[in-house]
Protein backbone atom coordinates (compact mmCIF):
# COMPACT_ATOMS: atom_id res chain seq x y z
CA MET A 1 6.89 -14.04 11.95
CA ARG A 2 9.88 -15.58 10.26
CA ARG A 3 13.19 -13.92 11.11
CA GLU A 4 14.30 -13.52 7.45
CA ALA A 5 17.06 -10.90 8.42
CA PHE A 6 18.83 -13.41 10.66
CA LYS A 7 19.25 -15.84 7.75
CA THR A 8 21.56 -13.19 5.99
CA GLY A 9 24.16 -13.13 8.69
CA VAL A 10 22.52 -10.70 11.24
CA TYR A 11 22.09 -13.33 13.89
CA ASP A 12 25.78 -14.32 13.81
CA GLU A 13 26.81 -10.61 14.02
CA LEU A 14 24.49 -10.04 17.07
CA LYS A 15 25.56 -13.10 18.82
CA LEU A 16 29.33 -11.91 18.58
CA LEU A 17 28.21 -8.29 19.41
CA THR A 18 26.37 -9.06 22.53
CA ALA A 19 28.96 -11.68 23.89
CA GLN A 20 31.81 -9.17 23.23
CA TYR A 21 30.09 -6.25 24.95
CA ASN A 22 27.88 -8.20 27.41
CA GLU A 23 27.99 -5.18 30.00
CA LEU A 24 25.81 -3.29 27.48
CA PHE A 25 23.58 -6.04 26.00
CA ILE A 26 21.26 -8.88 26.98
CA VAL A 27 23.37 -11.71 25.50
CA LEU A 28 21.95 -13.49 22.54
CA LYS A 29 22.38 -17.20 22.98
CA ASP A 30 20.64 -19.03 20.21
CA ILE A 31 17.90 -19.12 17.68
CA ASP A 32 15.46 -22.02 17.09
CA PRO A 33 15.82 -24.04 13.74
CA ASP A 34 12.69 -22.31 12.37
CA PHE A 35 13.79 -18.76 13.23
CA LEU A 36 10.69 -18.32 15.19
CA ASP A 37 12.20 -17.47 18.67
CA LEU A 38 15.39 -15.66 19.88
CA LYS A 39 16.87 -17.05 23.06
CA TYR A 40 18.55 -14.85 25.49
CA GLU A 41 20.83 -14.82 28.52
CA ASN A 42 18.57 -15.81 31.54
CA PHE A 43 18.55 -13.26 34.42
CA THR A 44 16.21 -11.36 36.58
CA SER A 45 15.43 -7.75 35.24
CA LEU A 46 12.96 -4.98 35.12
CA PRO A 47 12.00 -2.85 32.06
CA LEU A 48 13.73 0.44 32.06
CA ASP A 49 10.53 2.48 32.70
CA GLN A 50 9.69 0.35 35.84
CA LEU A 51 13.16 1.01 37.45
CA PHE A 52 12.07 4.78 38.03
CA LYS A 53 8.71 3.68 39.46
CA LEU A 54 9.98 1.22 42.37
CA PRO A 55 9.21 2.40 45.87
CA ASN A 56 11.50 5.06 47.06
CA SER A 57 13.06 5.37 43.64
CA LYS A 58 14.34 8.58 42.33
CA THR A 59 13.18 10.34 39.27
CA PHE A 60 15.91 11.26 36.72
CA TRP A 61 16.14 14.74 38.12
CA GLU A 62 16.71 13.56 41.67
CA LEU A 63 19.75 11.55 40.60
CA LEU A 64 23.37 12.70 41.18
CA ASP A 65 25.19 14.05 38.06
CA ILE A 66 27.31 11.02 37.86
CA GLU A 67 24.15 8.68 38.10
CA LYS A 68 22.36 10.81 35.29
CA TYR A 69 25.50 10.38 33.02
CA SER A 70 25.52 6.59 33.77
CA VAL A 71 21.80 6.36 32.72
CA ILE A 72 22.47 8.32 29.49
CA THR A 73 25.51 6.33 28.53
CA GLY A 74 23.79 3.04 29.65
CA ILE A 75 20.89 3.82 27.10
CA CYS A 76 23.08 5.17 24.35
CA MET A 77 26.19 3.14 24.02
CA PRO A 78 24.56 -0.11 23.09
CA VAL A 79 23.04 1.84 20.17
CA VAL A 80 26.34 3.27 19.29
CA CYS A 81 27.90 -0.27 19.19
CA PHE A 82 25.03 -1.30 16.81
CA HIS A 83 25.56 1.35 14.42
CA ASN A 84 29.29 1.01 14.34
CA ARG A 85 28.64 -2.60 13.25
CA GLY A 86 26.24 -1.28 10.41
CA LEU A 87 23.21 -2.59 12.35
CA VAL A 88 19.84 -0.84 13.18
CA HIS A 89 18.03 -1.95 16.27
CA ARG A 90 14.64 -0.86 14.84
CA ASP A 91 12.72 -1.27 18.24
CA ILE A 92 14.27 1.19 20.69
CA ARG A 93 11.78 1.59 23.60
CA PRO A 94 11.75 1.45 27.25
CA ASP A 95 10.65 -2.09 27.84
CA ASN A 96 13.43 -3.30 25.43
CA TYR A 97 15.99 -1.99 27.79
CA ARG A 98 16.48 -4.27 31.08
CA ALA A 99 17.74 -2.98 34.33
CA ILE A 100 19.66 -5.64 36.10
CA LYS A 101 20.90 -5.52 39.73
CA ILE A 102 24.65 -6.58 39.96
CA ASN A 103 26.45 -6.29 43.39
CA GLY A 104 23.89 -3.89 44.67
CA ASN A 105 23.90 -1.47 41.61
CA TRP A 106 21.45 -1.26 38.79
CA GLU A 107 22.97 -1.67 35.13
CA ILE A 108 21.09 -1.01 31.97
CA ARG A 109 21.32 -3.40 29.06
CA LEU A 110 19.71 -3.37 25.72
CA GLY A 111 17.95 -6.42 24.30
CA ASP A 112 15.07 -7.73 22.04
CA PHE A 113 16.73 -7.93 18.63
CA GLU A 114 13.72 -9.34 16.86
CA PHE A 115 13.52 -6.54 14.27
CA ALA A 116 17.35 -5.79 13.87
CA SER A 117 18.57 -5.40 10.41
CA LYS A 118 21.91 -4.71 8.73
CA VAL A 119 21.76 -1.35 6.78
CA GLY A 120 24.04 1.68 6.16
CA PHE A 121 23.50 5.02 7.72
CA SER A 122 21.31 6.64 5.19
CA GLN A 123 20.98 3.47 3.02
CA GLY A 124 17.45 2.50 3.81
CA ALA A 125 15.98 -0.97 3.67
CA ILE A 126 12.40 -1.82 3.10
CA GLN A 127 11.01 -3.59 6.23
CA ASN A 128 7.73 -4.67 7.66
CA TYR A 129 8.22 -2.85 10.75
CA TYR A 130 9.22 0.77 11.22
CA SER A 131 11.44 1.39 14.17
CA ASP A 132 10.62 4.97 15.09
CA PHE A 133 9.44 4.29 18.53
CA GLY A 134 5.69 4.42 19.28
CA ASN A 135 4.69 3.78 15.53
CA GLN A 136 2.32 0.92 16.43
CA LYS A 137 0.33 1.25 13.14
CA SER A 138 3.55 0.59 11.15
CA PHE A 139 2.78 -3.07 11.13
CA LEU A 140 0.15 -2.43 8.51
CA SER A 141 2.48 -1.28 5.72
CA GLN A 142 6.15 -1.17 4.58
CA TYR A 143 8.76 1.78 5.28
CA ILE A 144 12.23 2.52 4.68
CA VAL A 145 14.33 2.31 7.90
CA SER A 146 17.86 3.73 8.55
CA LYS A 147 19.95 4.35 11.76
CA LEU A 148 18.23 7.67 11.86
CA ALA A 149 15.12 5.79 13.11
CA ASP A 150 16.98 4.65 16.05
CA ILE A 151 18.03 8.18 16.88
CA TYR A 152 14.31 9.39 16.79
CA SER A 153 13.39 6.61 19.01
CA LEU A 154 16.17 7.49 21.55
CA GLY A 155 15.11 11.13 21.53
CA PHE A 156 11.60 10.00 22.44
CA LEU A 157 12.67 7.71 25.03
CA PHE A 158 14.89 10.55 26.81
CA PHE A 159 11.76 12.85 26.43
CA GLY A 160 9.70 10.28 28.30
CA LEU A 161 12.37 9.64 30.91
CA ILE A 162 13.40 13.27 31.52
CA VAL A 163 10.42 15.26 31.15
CA THR A 164 7.56 12.83 32.31
CA ASN A 165 9.42 10.15 34.32
CA PHE A 166 7.57 7.79 31.85
CA ASN A 167 4.20 8.86 33.05
CA MET A 168 2.63 9.13 29.65
CA ASP A 169 1.39 6.86 26.92
CA LEU A 170 4.39 6.75 24.70
CA GLY A 171 2.81 4.32 22.33
CA LEU A 172 0.41 7.06 21.07
CA TYR A 173 3.38 9.14 19.77
CA THR A 174 3.88 8.06 16.02
CA VAL A 175 6.36 9.83 13.84
CA GLY A 176 5.73 13.57 13.63
CA THR A 177 2.19 13.35 14.78
CA HIS A 178 2.52 14.83 18.15
CA PHE A 179 5.65 17.10 17.31
CA GLU A 180 3.95 20.26 18.54
CA GLU A 181 2.52 18.64 21.74
CA VAL A 182 5.94 17.44 22.65
CA GLU A 183 7.30 20.95 21.91
CA THR A 184 4.69 22.34 24.32
CA LYS A 185 5.65 20.05 27.03
CA LEU A 186 9.33 20.95 26.68
CA ASP A 187 8.41 24.57 26.60
CA GLU A 188 6.75 24.08 30.11
CA PHE A 189 9.61 22.00 31.25
CA GLY A 190 11.70 25.23 30.95
CA ASN A 191 15.07 24.01 29.71
CA VAL A 192 15.70 25.47 26.25
CA ASN A 193 18.86 23.58 25.57
CA LEU A 194 17.27 20.21 26.30
CA LYS A 195 14.19 21.25 24.23
CA ASN A 196 16.44 21.81 21.18
CA VAL A 197 18.13 18.52 21.59
CA ILE A 198 15.05 16.45 21.87
CA LEU A 199 13.27 18.18 19.08
CA LYS A 200 16.23 17.75 16.71
CA ALA A 201 16.35 14.01 17.62
CA ILE A 202 12.64 13.42 16.99
CA HIS A 203 12.24 15.80 13.99
CA PRO A 204 9.69 14.50 11.43
CA VAL A 205 12.08 15.04 8.73
CA LYS A 206 14.75 12.44 9.40
CA ASN A 207 17.65 14.28 7.57
CA ASN A 208 17.18 17.04 10.04
CA ARG A 209 17.90 14.80 13.03
CA PHE A 210 21.61 14.23 14.47
CA ILE A 211 23.82 12.47 12.29
CA SER A 212 24.93 9.94 15.03
CA VAL A 213 23.93 8.65 18.49
CA THR A 214 27.27 9.91 19.67
CA GLU A 215 26.48 13.48 18.67
CA PHE A 216 23.11 13.20 20.28
CA MET A 217 24.57 11.86 23.47
CA PHE A 218 27.20 14.76 23.65
CA GLU A 219 24.55 17.38 23.05
CA LEU A 220 22.11 15.86 25.61
CA CYS A 221 24.71 15.70 28.43
CA LYS A 222 25.78 19.35 27.47
CA ALA A 223 22.07 20.56 27.84
CA LEU A 224 21.93 18.95 31.09
CA ASN A 225 25.32 20.38 32.36
CA LEU A 226 26.80 16.95 32.85
């Protein structure tokens, strides 16, 4: 698949962004002449979901409050930076976040910018891939994508992390298809405030979602008493 978006300046923007905020991102180093492969900073890392499944690792609920807050900001702040630059990631999911051990501590960084595009908040761009996390069938047709799709993906990622510790097949959850099933699981979980935050983030009608990642992050922390 050719990286058409990168020919219109997205690559230069991403290279600058990831270098400037290298504590938030896997640094994008280069792209081959045929726009067929992105090259990233080389380091040893784990996919985010595997971090919580290491031997003797804690679940999200077993973390100290300051550790929970660090995980939430580590996941959300890279997307805030993306959106502040008028970029949409379009592929927010656990394995595109990498956990890196630095000086004995795990740090979370966002990577895999293969589908990134430059769009306005509500101004859509017709793409060949729809970024709402889990919509694997989206490769078959075209959709309009905005930053609200990244908010959906974040909502679903946190549902997987907080409610199931990633013990579910998140790839089955396409946009709106399993909304009621997610609602049932959140009811069983028993935190009404968390339920309201997650369901708003993954609402099938995109204009009913949070208007920004910052708002989502604030409400999520409030729901968890952080």
